[in-house]
Amino acid sequence: MLSEISPSSFALAVISDDVSKLVKIPGVGKKTAARIILELKDKLKTEDSIEKTEEVNVAIEKDNNTGEAIAALQVLGYTRKEIEKVFEKIDTKNLELEEIIKQGLKYLGR
């Protein structure tokens, strides 16, 4: 499961009740996603993982652009791990989707 989604994205999907994000994982349907959320939501909401609502919303928006950029780069033949390593170097917060992809390609092409 974690080969398809990063741990932080998984945790964010569980905390924010994002069933659609979990359904994208192969082998996880709507019922399984709902069960995962039900079982893990309280466990992930420890003092360390509770964030302000604004921070969660920003992370979700960032995650959507980042997720789309990852998908686009995977179509070009790069592995998810390669892409995630590169995205650690890029500040994707304030970038549009196209710019994230351009920056990713710049680093991946090296």
C-alpha atoms as a PDB file:
ATOM      1  CA  MET A   1       0.000   0.000   0.000  1.00  0.00           C
ATOM      2  CA  LEU A   2       2.758   2.440   0.922  1.00  0.00           C
ATOM      3  CA  SER A   3       4.463   1.860  -2.424  1.00  0.00           C
ATOM      4  CA  GLU A   4       1.502   3.664  -4.003  1.00  0.00           C
ATOM      5  CA  ILE A   5       1.113   6.527  -1.510  1.00  0.00           C
ATOM      6  CA  SER A   6       3.560   8.281   0.782  1.00  0.00           C
ATOM      7  CA  PRO A   7       3.062   7.816   4.524  1.00  0.00           C
ATOM      8  CA  SER A   8       2.321  11.513   4.997  1.00  0.00           C
ATOM      9  CA  SER A   9      -0.275  11.492   2.202  1.00  0.00           C
ATOM     10  CA  PHE A  10      -1.830   8.362   3.681  1.00  0.00           C
ATOM     11  CA  ALA A  11      -2.028   9.935   7.134  1.00  0.00           C
ATOM     12  CA  LEU A  12      -3.477  13.129   5.686  1.00  0.00           C
ATOM     13  CA  ALA A  13      -6.105  11.152   3.765  1.00  0.00           C
ATOM     14  CA  VAL A  14      -7.100   9.286   6.939  1.00  0.00           C
ATOM     15  CA  ILE A  15      -7.229  12.395   9.116  1.00  0.00           C
ATOM     16  CA  SER A  16      -9.230  14.381   6.542  1.00  0.00           C
ATOM     17  CA  ASP A  17     -11.638  11.505   5.710  1.00  0.00           C
ATOM     18  CA  ASP A  18     -10.485  11.511   2.070  1.00  0.00           C
ATOM     19  CA  VAL A  19     -11.947   8.209   0.849  1.00  0.00           C
ATOM     20  CA  SER A  20     -11.291   9.123  -2.804  1.00  0.00           C
ATOM     21  CA  LYS A  21      -7.538   9.311  -2.150  1.00  0.00           C
ATOM     22  CA  LEU A  22      -7.475   5.859  -0.548  1.00  0.00           C
ATOM     23  CA  VAL A  23      -9.632   4.299  -3.279  1.00  0.00           C
ATOM     24  CA  LYS A  24      -6.879   5.118  -5.802  1.00  0.00           C
ATOM     25  CA  ILE A  25      -4.674   2.520  -4.094  1.00  0.00           C
ATOM     26  CA  PRO A  26      -4.926  -0.834  -5.903  1.00  0.00           C
ATOM     27  CA  GLY A  27      -7.036  -3.320  -3.960  1.00  0.00           C
ATOM     28  CA  VAL A  28      -8.750  -0.693  -1.802  1.00  0.00           C
ATOM     29  CA  GLY A  29     -12.426  -0.093  -2.455  1.00  0.00           C
ATOM     30  CA  LYS A  30     -14.844   2.341  -0.831  1.00  0.00           C
ATOM     31  CA  LYS A  31     -15.735  -0.002   2.024  1.00  0.00           C
ATOM     32  CA  THR A  32     -12.093  -0.818   2.780  1.00  0.00           C
ATOM     33  CA  ALA A  33     -11.131   2.862   2.639  1.00  0.00           C
ATOM     34  CA  ALA A  34     -13.946   3.755   5.029  1.00  0.00           C
ATOM     35  CA  ARG A  35     -12.854   0.970   7.374  1.00  0.00           C
ATOM     36  CA  ILE A  36      -9.215   2.136   7.271  1.00  0.00           C
ATOM     37  CA  ILE A  37     -10.321   5.662   8.145  1.00  0.00           C
ATOM     38  CA  LEU A  38     -12.569   4.434  10.942  1.00  0.00           C
ATOM     39  CA  GLU A  39      -9.867   2.226  12.462  1.00  0.00           C
ATOM     40  CA  LEU A  40      -6.873   4.561  12.124  1.00  0.00           C
ATOM     41  CA  LYS A  41      -8.244   8.078  12.465  1.00  0.00           C
ATOM     42  CA  ASP A  42      -8.060   8.176  16.268  1.00  0.00           C
ATOM     43  CA  LYS A  43      -4.648   6.516  16.308  1.00  0.00           C
ATOM     44  CA  LEU A  44      -3.187   9.063  13.907  1.00  0.00           C
ATOM     45  CA  LYS A  45      -4.588  11.985  15.882  1.00  0.00           C
ATOM     46  CA  THR A  46      -1.931  11.968  18.573  1.00  0.00           C
ATOM     47  CA  GLU A  47      -0.555  15.184  20.013  1.00  0.00           C
ATOM     48  CA  ASP A  48       2.274  15.122  17.463  1.00  0.00           C
ATOM     49  CA  SER A  49       0.029  14.715  14.426  1.00  0.00           C
ATOM     50  CA  ILE A  50      -2.780  17.167  15.261  1.00  0.00           C
ATOM     51  CA  GLU A  51      -2.427  20.251  13.081  1.00  0.00           C
ATOM     52  CA  LYS A  52      -4.396  23.447  12.675  1.00  0.00           C
ATOM     53  CA  THR A  53      -7.233  23.337  10.146  1.00  0.00           C
ATOM     54  CA  GLU A  54      -5.525  25.890   7.908  1.00  0.00           C
ATOM     55  CA  GLU A  55      -2.327  23.846   7.769  1.00  0.00           C
ATOM     56  CA  VAL A  56      -4.283  20.720   6.824  1.00  0.00           C
ATOM     57  CA  ASN A  57      -6.118  22.589   4.050  1.00  0.00           C
ATOM     58  CA  VAL A  58      -2.839  23.942   2.655  1.00  0.00           C
ATOM     59  CA  ALA A  59      -1.328  20.456   2.788  1.00  0.00           C
ATOM     60  CA  ILE A  60      -4.332  19.014   0.954  1.00  0.00           C
ATOM     61  CA  GLU A  61      -4.079  21.637  -1.813  1.00  0.00           C
ATOM     62  CA  LYS A  62      -0.336  21.092  -2.065  1.00  0.00           C
ATOM     63  CA  ASP A  63      -0.822  17.351  -2.048  1.00  0.00           C
ATOM     64  CA  ASN A  64      -3.306  17.521  -4.932  1.00  0.00           C
ATOM     65  CA  ASN A  65      -0.856  19.420  -7.151  1.00  0.00           C
ATOM     66  CA  THR A  66       2.022  17.251  -6.025  1.00  0.00           C
ATOM     67  CA  GLY A  67      -0.002  14.091  -6.580  1.00  0.00           C
ATOM     68  CA  GLU A  68      -0.936  15.158 -10.096  1.00  0.00           C
ATOM     69  CA  ALA A  69       2.685  16.041 -10.824  1.00  0.00           C
ATOM     70  CA  ILE A  70       3.819  12.642  -9.546  1.00  0.00           C
ATOM     71  CA  ALA A  71       1.277  10.911 -11.781  1.00  0.00           C
ATOM     72  CA  ALA A  72       2.419  12.932 -14.797  1.00  0.00           C
ATOM     73  CA  LEU A  73       6.078  12.100 -14.185  1.00  0.00           C
ATOM     74  CA  GLN A  74       5.260   8.426 -13.671  1.00  0.00           C
ATOM     75  CA  VAL A  75       3.639   8.398 -17.102  1.00  0.00           C
ATOM     76  CA  LEU A  76       6.997   9.579 -18.448  1.00  0.00           C
ATOM     77  CA  GLY A  77       8.678   6.514 -16.925  1.00  0.00           C
ATOM     78  CA  TYR A  78      10.085   7.746 -13.618  1.00  0.00           C
ATOM     79  CA  THR A  79       9.486   5.718 -10.459  1.00  0.00           C
ATOM     80  CA  ARG A  80       7.521   7.134  -7.558  1.00  0.00           C
ATOM     81  CA  LYS A  81      10.552   6.893  -5.264  1.00  0.00           C
ATOM     82  CA  GLU A  82      12.731   8.861  -7.702  1.00  0.00           C
ATOM     83  CA  ILE A  83      10.076  11.536  -7.990  1.00  0.00           C
ATOM     84  CA  GLU A  84       9.505  11.815  -4.235  1.00  0.00           C
ATOM     85  CA  LYS A  85      13.258  12.206  -3.641  1.00  0.00           C
ATOM     86  CA  VAL A  86      13.331  15.071  -6.123  1.00  0.00           C
ATOM     87  CA  PHE A  87      10.228  16.710  -4.643  1.00  0.00           C
ATOM     88  CA  GLU A  88      11.946  16.821  -1.255  1.00  0.00           C
ATOM     89  CA  LYS A  89      14.366  19.316  -2.841  1.00  0.00           C
ATOM     90  CA  ILE A  90      11.620  21.441  -4.418  1.00  0.00           C
ATOM     91  CA  ASP A  91       9.416  23.874  -2.499  1.00  0.00           C
ATOM     92  CA  THR A  92       6.108  22.879  -4.099  1.00  0.00           C
ATOM     93  CA  LYS A  93       3.946  24.992  -1.766  1.00  0.00           C
ATOM     94  CA  ASN A  94       3.719  28.075  -3.947  1.00  0.00           C
ATOM     95  CA  LEU A  95       4.102  26.455  -7.362  1.00  0.00           C
ATOM     96  CA  GLU A  96       1.461  25.708  -9.951  1.00  0.00           C
ATOM     97  CA  LEU A  97       1.165  22.156 -11.280  1.00  0.00           C
ATOM     98  CA  GLU A  98       3.027  22.910 -14.511  1.00  0.00           C
ATOM     99  CA  GLU A  99       5.924  24.503 -12.637  1.00  0.00           C
ATOM    100  CA  ILE A 100       6.183  21.532 -10.254  1.00  0.00           C
ATOM    101  CA  ILE A 101       6.458  19.210 -13.260  1.00  0.00           C
ATOM    102  CA  LYS A 102       9.086  21.439 -14.917  1.00  0.00           C
ATOM    103  CA  GLN A 103      11.173  21.568 -11.742  1.00  0.00           C
ATOM    104  CA  GLY A 104      10.818  17.813 -11.304  1.00  0.00           C
ATOM    105  CA  LEU A 105      11.993  17.155 -14.847  1.00  0.00           C
ATOM    106  CA  LYS A 106      14.913  19.514 -14.331  1.00  0.00           C
ATOM    107  CA  TYR A 107      16.168  17.509 -11.345  1.00  0.00           C
ATOM    108  CA  LEU A 108      15.267  14.091 -12.773  1.00  0.00           C
ATOM    109  CA  GLY A 109      17.146  14.833 -15.997  1.00  0.00           C
ATOM    110  CA  ARG A 110      20.453  15.226 -14.174  1.00  0.00           C
END
